[in-house]
Protein backbone atom coordinates (compact mmCIF):
# COMPACT_ATOMS: atom_id res chain seq x y z
CA GLU A 1 -17.21 -14.93 -82.45
CA GLY A 2 -14.64 -17.70 -82.39
CA MET A 3 -10.98 -18.37 -81.57
CA VAL A 4 -8.15 -20.05 -83.41
CA GLY A 5 -7.86 -23.68 -82.31
CA GLU A 6 -11.18 -23.71 -80.41
CA PRO A 7 -14.13 -25.79 -81.73
CA TYR A 8 -16.74 -23.51 -83.25
CA ALA A 9 -20.45 -24.04 -83.99
CA ALA A 10 -22.99 -21.36 -84.92
CA PRO A 11 -26.50 -22.38 -86.06
CA LEU A 12 -28.09 -19.85 -88.41
CA GLU A 13 -31.68 -18.89 -87.65
CA ALA A 14 -34.68 -17.95 -89.80
CA GLU A 15 -38.41 -17.57 -89.46
CA GLY A 16 -41.38 -17.39 -91.80
CA GLY A 17 -41.50 -18.74 -95.31
CA LYS A 18 -42.08 -22.43 -95.92
CA ALA A 19 -39.89 -25.22 -94.57
CA PRO A 20 -37.50 -26.75 -95.37
CA TYR A 21 -34.80 -24.06 -95.54
CA LEU A 22 -31.61 -24.24 -97.58
CA TRP A 23 -28.58 -22.06 -96.77
CA ALA A 24 -25.74 -21.02 -99.10
CA LEU A 25 -22.72 -18.72 -98.97
CA VAL A 26 -22.97 -16.32 -101.94
CA GLY A 27 -20.44 -13.67 -100.93
CA GLY A 28 -17.20 -13.60 -98.94
CA SER A 29 -15.17 -16.54 -97.68
CA LEU A 30 -15.38 -18.52 -94.48
CA PRO A 31 -12.19 -18.48 -92.39
CA PRO A 32 -10.00 -21.57 -93.00
CA GLY A 33 -11.20 -24.49 -90.91
CA LEU A 34 -14.91 -23.58 -91.04
CA LEU A 35 -17.67 -24.93 -93.29
CA LEU A 36 -21.32 -24.02 -93.86
CA ASP A 37 -23.77 -26.91 -93.77
CA PRO A 38 -26.74 -26.51 -96.17
CA GLY A 39 -28.98 -27.05 -93.13
CA GLY A 40 -27.69 -23.77 -91.66
CA GLN A 41 -24.76 -24.41 -89.32
CA ILE A 42 -21.26 -22.94 -89.55
CA ALA A 43 -18.89 -25.31 -87.76
CA GLY A 44 -15.29 -26.44 -87.51
CA THR A 45 -12.07 -25.30 -85.85
CA PRO A 46 -10.81 -21.89 -87.03
CA GLU A 47 -7.18 -21.85 -88.17
CA VAL A 48 -6.60 -18.13 -88.82
CA ALA A 49 -7.54 -15.00 -86.87
CA GLY A 50 -9.38 -12.16 -88.59
CA GLU A 51 -12.78 -10.85 -89.67
CA ALA A 52 -14.88 -12.14 -92.55
CA THR A 53 -17.93 -10.41 -94.04
CA LEU A 54 -20.24 -13.12 -95.31
CA THR A 55 -23.29 -12.82 -97.55
CA LEU A 56 -25.64 -15.69 -96.79
CA ALA A 57 -28.61 -16.69 -98.92
CA LEU A 58 -31.66 -18.47 -97.54
CA LEU A 59 -34.06 -20.36 -99.79
CA ASP A 60 -37.32 -21.82 -98.53
CA GLY A 61 -39.48 -24.68 -99.78
CA GLY A 62 -41.80 -22.30 -101.62
CA GLY A 63 -39.11 -20.72 -103.75
CA GLY A 64 -38.62 -17.65 -101.58
CA ARG A 65 -35.12 -16.19 -101.22
CA VAL A 66 -33.52 -13.61 -98.93
CA GLU A 67 -29.93 -12.53 -98.36
CA GLN A 68 -28.21 -11.16 -95.26
CA GLN A 69 -24.70 -9.96 -94.51
CA LEU A 70 -23.10 -11.14 -91.28
CA LEU A 71 -19.73 -10.43 -89.72
CA LEU A 72 -17.71 -13.38 -88.37
CA ARG A 73 -14.81 -12.48 -86.09
CA ILE A 74 -12.11 -15.02 -85.17
CA HIS A 75 -9.73 -14.13 -82.34
CA GLY A 76 -6.13 -15.24 -82.11
CA ILE A 77 -4.99 -17.78 -79.54
CA GLY A 78 -5.29 -16.42 -76.00
CA LEU A 79 -8.24 -15.05 -74.02
CA ALA A 80 -11.03 -12.91 -75.47
CA ILE A 81 -14.44 -11.56 -74.45
CA THR A 82 -16.88 -12.67 -77.13
CA THR A 83 -20.01 -10.83 -75.96
CA GLU A 84 -20.45 -8.25 -78.73
CA SER A 85 -23.32 -6.24 -77.30
CA LEU A 86 -25.71 -6.09 -74.36
CA PRO A 87 -29.48 -6.27 -74.79
CA VAL A 88 -31.46 -3.19 -73.78
CA ALA A 89 -32.60 -3.20 -70.16
CA GLU A 90 -35.73 -1.56 -68.79
CA GLU A 91 -35.78 0.44 -65.58
CA GLY A 92 -37.65 -1.45 -62.88
CA SER A 93 -37.60 -4.81 -64.71
CA GLU A 94 -35.47 -7.88 -63.96
CA TYR A 95 -32.35 -8.08 -66.12
CA VAL A 96 -30.08 -11.12 -66.50
CA VAL A 97 -27.25 -11.49 -69.05
CA GLN A 98 -24.32 -13.93 -69.08
CA LEU A 99 -21.06 -12.48 -70.40
CA LEU A 100 -19.04 -14.88 -72.56
CA ALA A 101 -15.34 -15.44 -73.15
CA LEU A 102 -13.16 -17.84 -75.15
CA GLY A 103 -9.68 -19.30 -74.74
CA GLY A 104 -7.36 -19.41 -71.79
CA VAL A 105 -7.95 -21.74 -68.87
CA ALA A 106 -11.41 -21.96 -67.35
CA PRO A 107 -12.95 -20.99 -64.98
CA TYR A 108 -12.99 -17.26 -65.66
CA THR A 109 -13.26 -14.40 -63.19
CA TRP A 110 -15.03 -11.20 -64.25
CA GLY A 111 -14.79 -7.60 -63.12
CA ILE A 112 -15.17 -3.99 -64.26
CA GLY A 113 -12.19 -1.89 -65.28
CA GLU A 114 -13.79 1.49 -66.02
CA GLY A 115 -17.32 2.84 -65.94
CA LEU A 116 -20.18 2.23 -63.56
CA LEU A 117 -23.14 -0.10 -63.80
CA PRO A 118 -26.56 1.53 -63.41
CA ALA A 119 -27.89 1.45 -59.87
CA GLY A 120 -29.59 -1.86 -59.13
CA LEU A 121 -27.36 -4.00 -61.38
CA SER A 122 -24.42 -6.14 -60.22
CA LEU A 123 -21.75 -8.15 -62.01
CA LEU A 124 -21.12 -11.53 -60.41
CA SER A 125 -17.61 -12.99 -60.53
CA GLY A 126 -18.83 -15.72 -62.90
CA GLY A 127 -19.80 -13.10 -65.49
CA GLU A 128 -23.53 -12.87 -64.85
CA LEU A 129 -24.94 -9.36 -65.03
CA ARG A 130 -28.18 -9.25 -63.06
CA GLY A 131 -30.53 -7.10 -61.03
CA VAL A 132 -33.33 -4.56 -61.43
CA PRO A 133 -32.07 -1.27 -62.92
CA ALA A 134 -33.10 1.71 -60.80
CA GLU A 135 -32.05 4.41 -63.27
CA SER A 136 -32.26 4.95 -67.00
CA GLY A 137 -29.70 6.15 -69.53
CA ASP A 138 -26.67 4.93 -71.52
CA PHE A 139 -23.75 3.39 -69.64
CA LEU A 140 -20.34 2.59 -71.17
CA ILE A 141 -18.60 -0.12 -69.15
CA ASP A 142 -15.18 -1.69 -69.65
CA PHE A 143 -15.56 -5.35 -68.68
CA LYS A 144 -12.49 -7.45 -67.89
CA VAL A 145 -11.99 -11.18 -67.55
CA PHE A 146 -9.15 -13.26 -66.07
CA ASP A 147 -8.54 -16.95 -66.69
CA ASP A 148 -7.23 -19.57 -64.27
CA GLY A 149 -3.81 -19.97 -65.87
CA LEU A 150 -0.40 -19.40 -64.25
CA PRO A 151 0.18 -16.58 -64.82
CA PRO A 152 -3.45 -15.63 -65.52
CA GLN A 153 -4.35 -14.10 -68.87
CA ARG A 154 -6.53 -11.00 -69.08
CA ALA A 155 -8.89 -9.59 -71.70
CA SER A 156 -11.13 -6.52 -71.72
CA ARG A 157 -13.93 -5.12 -73.84
CA ALA A 158 -16.00 -1.94 -73.66
CA LEU A 159 -19.73 -2.52 -74.00
CA SER A 160 -22.60 -0.06 -73.94
CA LEU A 161 -25.68 -0.79 -71.85
CA ARG A 162 -28.86 1.14 -72.52
CA VAL A 163 -31.49 1.24 -69.79
CA ALA A 164 -34.79 2.38 -71.28
CA ILE A 165 -37.48 4.24 -69.38
CA ALA A 166 -40.32 1.86 -68.62
CA PRO A 167 -43.85 2.88 -69.70
CA LEU A 168 -45.61 4.97 -67.09
CA GLU A 169 -48.35 3.01 -65.32
CA ILE A 170 -50.68 3.59 -62.39
CA VAL A 171 -50.68 0.57 -60.08
CA GLY A 172 -52.44 -0.68 -56.97
CA ASP A 173 -52.83 -3.78 -54.85
CA GLN A 174 -56.31 -4.32 -56.30
CA GLN A 175 -57.58 -3.02 -59.60
CA TYR A 176 -60.22 -3.64 -62.25
CA ASP A 177 -60.21 -2.89 -65.97
CA LEU A 178 -63.57 -1.47 -67.03
CA PHE A 179 -62.89 -1.57 -70.78
CA VAL A 180 -62.53 2.22 -71.04
CA ILE A 181 -60.72 2.95 -67.78
CA LYS A 182 -58.84 1.29 -64.94
CA VAL A 183 -60.28 1.34 -61.40
CA VAL A 184 -57.70 1.22 -58.61
CA VAL A 185 -59.00 0.26 -55.16
CA LEU A 186 -57.37 2.13 -52.27
CA PRO A 187 -57.32 1.09 -48.59
CA LEU A 188 -60.68 1.12 -46.80
CA ILE A 189 -61.88 4.44 -45.41
CA THR A 190 -64.17 4.47 -42.37
CA VAL A 191 -66.91 7.11 -42.47
CA ILE A 192 -69.14 7.98 -39.49
CA GLU A 193 -71.76 10.54 -40.39
CA GLY A 194 -70.89 13.85 -38.71
CA VAL A 195 -67.63 12.56 -37.19
CA PRO A 196 -64.54 13.26 -39.37
CA VAL A 197 -62.19 10.26 -39.24
CA PRO A 198 -58.56 10.86 -40.31
CA TYR A 199 -57.37 9.06 -43.44
CA ALA A 200 -54.01 8.84 -45.27
CA THR A 201 -52.70 6.84 -48.21
CA THR A 202 -50.43 7.37 -51.23
CA LEU A 203 -51.30 6.81 -54.89
CA GLN A 204 -48.80 4.57 -56.67
CA ALA A 205 -47.24 4.53 -60.14
CA ARG A 206 -44.24 2.90 -61.76
CA GLY A 207 -42.15 3.45 -64.86
CA GLY A 208 -41.68 6.81 -66.50
CA LEU A 209 -39.16 9.30 -65.13
CA ARG A 210 -39.44 10.33 -61.50
CA PRO A 211 -40.47 12.53 -59.77
CA TYR A 212 -44.16 12.21 -60.53
CA ARG A 213 -46.85 14.91 -60.31
CA TRP A 214 -50.40 13.93 -59.34
CA SER A 215 -53.62 15.89 -59.81
CA GLU A 216 -57.36 15.29 -59.59
CA GLN A 217 -59.23 15.37 -62.92
CA ALA A 218 -62.81 16.11 -63.87
CA ILE A 219 -64.98 13.05 -64.49
CA PRO A 220 -65.52 12.70 -68.28
CA ASP A 221 -69.04 12.81 -69.64
CA TYR A 222 -69.07 9.11 -70.57
CA LEU A 223 -68.64 8.24 -66.87
CA ARG A 224 -70.68 11.02 -65.32
CA GLY A 225 -73.95 9.13 -65.85
CA PHE A 226 -72.65 6.16 -63.84
CA LEU A 227 -70.85 8.26 -61.21
CA PRO A 228 -72.95 11.38 -60.64
CA ASN A 229 -71.33 12.31 -57.32
CA ALA A 230 -67.76 11.35 -58.21
CA GLY A 231 -64.86 13.46 -57.02
CA LEU A 232 -62.66 13.69 -53.97
CA PRO A 233 -64.93 13.65 -50.93
CA GLU A 234 -65.04 16.86 -48.93
CA GLY A 235 -62.24 16.82 -46.37
CA LEU A 236 -59.63 14.97 -48.45
CA THR A 237 -56.74 16.59 -50.35
CA LEU A 238 -54.55 15.04 -53.07
CA GLY A 239 -50.99 16.39 -53.02
CA ALA A 240 -48.75 16.62 -56.08
CA ASP A 241 -46.63 13.84 -54.53
CA GLY A 242 -49.61 11.48 -54.56
CA GLN A 243 -50.39 11.67 -50.85
CA LEU A 244 -54.10 11.57 -50.11
CA THR A 245 -54.84 12.95 -46.64
CA GLY A 246 -57.59 14.50 -44.56
CA ALA A 247 -60.76 13.46 -42.75
CA VAL A 248 -64.23 12.63 -44.08
CA GLY A 249 -67.41 12.95 -42.05
CA SER A 250 -70.15 12.60 -44.67
CA THR A 251 -71.47 9.74 -46.79
CA ALA A 252 -73.17 12.05 -49.29
CA GLN A 253 -70.76 11.16 -52.12
CA VAL A 254 -70.79 7.40 -51.61
CA ILE A 255 -71.65 5.54 -54.84
CA SER A 256 -72.43 1.88 -55.55
CA LEU A 257 -71.23 0.70 -58.97
CA THR A 258 -71.75 -2.78 -60.40
CA ILE A 259 -69.11 -3.80 -62.94
CA PRO A 260 -70.83 -4.85 -66.19
CA PHE A 261 -70.94 -8.60 -66.95
CA THR A 262 -69.79 -9.44 -63.39
CA GLN A 263 -71.33 -9.88 -59.98
CA ILE A 264 -68.91 -7.36 -58.47
CA THR A 265 -70.32 -4.22 -56.81
CA LEU A 266 -67.97 -1.45 -55.73
CA ASN A 267 -69.12 0.82 -52.90
CA GLY A 268 -67.39 4.02 -51.84
CA PHE A 269 -66.01 7.33 -53.05
CA PHE A 270 -64.84 7.53 -56.68
CA PHE A 271 -62.48 10.14 -58.10
CA LEU A 272 -60.33 10.49 -61.21
CA ALA A 273 -56.60 11.30 -60.93
CA LYS A 274 -53.76 11.77 -63.40
CA VAL A 275 -50.05 11.20 -62.94
CA GLU A 276 -47.37 12.90 -65.06
CA ASP A 277 -43.68 12.06 -65.07
CA SER A 278 -40.64 14.33 -65.54
CA GLN A 279 -39.89 13.63 -69.19
CA SER A 280 -40.17 16.41 -71.74
CA PRO A 281 -42.80 16.12 -73.02
CA ALA A 282 -44.23 14.40 -69.96
CA ALA A 283 -45.84 10.99 -70.15
CA ASN A 284 -49.16 10.75 -68.32
CA GLN A 285 -51.74 8.19 -67.25
CA SER A 286 -55.17 8.50 -65.63
CA ALA A 287 -57.21 6.09 -63.55
CA LEU A 288 -60.42 6.02 -61.57
CA PHE A 289 -59.75 5.53 -57.87
CA LEU A 290 -62.13 3.99 -55.35
CA LEU A 291 -62.03 4.73 -51.64
CA PRO A 292 -64.08 1.73 -50.42
CA THR A 293 -66.20 2.44 -47.40
CA LEU A 294 -68.67 0.80 -45.07
CA PRO A 295 -70.66 3.81 -43.91
CA LEU A 296 -71.79 3.82 -40.31
CA GLY A 297 -74.49 5.82 -38.55
CA GLY A 298 -75.93 7.65 -41.56
CA GLN A 299 -76.64 4.80 -44.01
């Protein structure tokens, strides 16, 4: 977007084909004051406000040709927000976008007129929208900007922000990918033969739609040969909230597993667990968990 009386420059972009590229205007008219360079830049100083629908043709060095329609909006003299849309955010992932304005007297001061940002995001006074979204959904926000003139000018624009649900994933501080399944290593459990020692930890996941539901799963046949005694050791319970609690007093289910093509040997209790989120239908992920142990007394 541009503004009457303000210098304007917009490089056109392409990919693929064979360089060099050659651009041409084959439909519509550029606003007075603007020209299209064959190398792919629209530049100049707009003289008239309005909207122009342009059909642009791109030719490459191999004789290929494509066309694309683009809308060019030129604002009248004053102050205007030129950010047309906001990129999609993802819950739990860093998000940074700079809002843009034209005209008036810089610097600009930004704020929100109506609507609420998703939890975890903030709008800085300089127009930077940043943070880590903590909820998903569609949010309609009326952004406003003030310039530094006397008296200050004001402009507003409603923009929609979509926060997508991140893919569901089981995570841990230490994990291994064994080609067919992920192994997540939990905190060390101490086992003394015949003496139950209390233990507590919580399985972790991210993404998806909370709350999560956890459950133990049967070991599949393709793993049973490597993990004959796998399963939650007697004395431990896995809650639907992911809390693993109880006390273990036997080393009978301890397994040693060497990861193929490595020198890494994992020793402890192995069990398979699945997490489901609250979407409909629910997303789910499974992983093999290891309770590492250094057995005492019995082995």
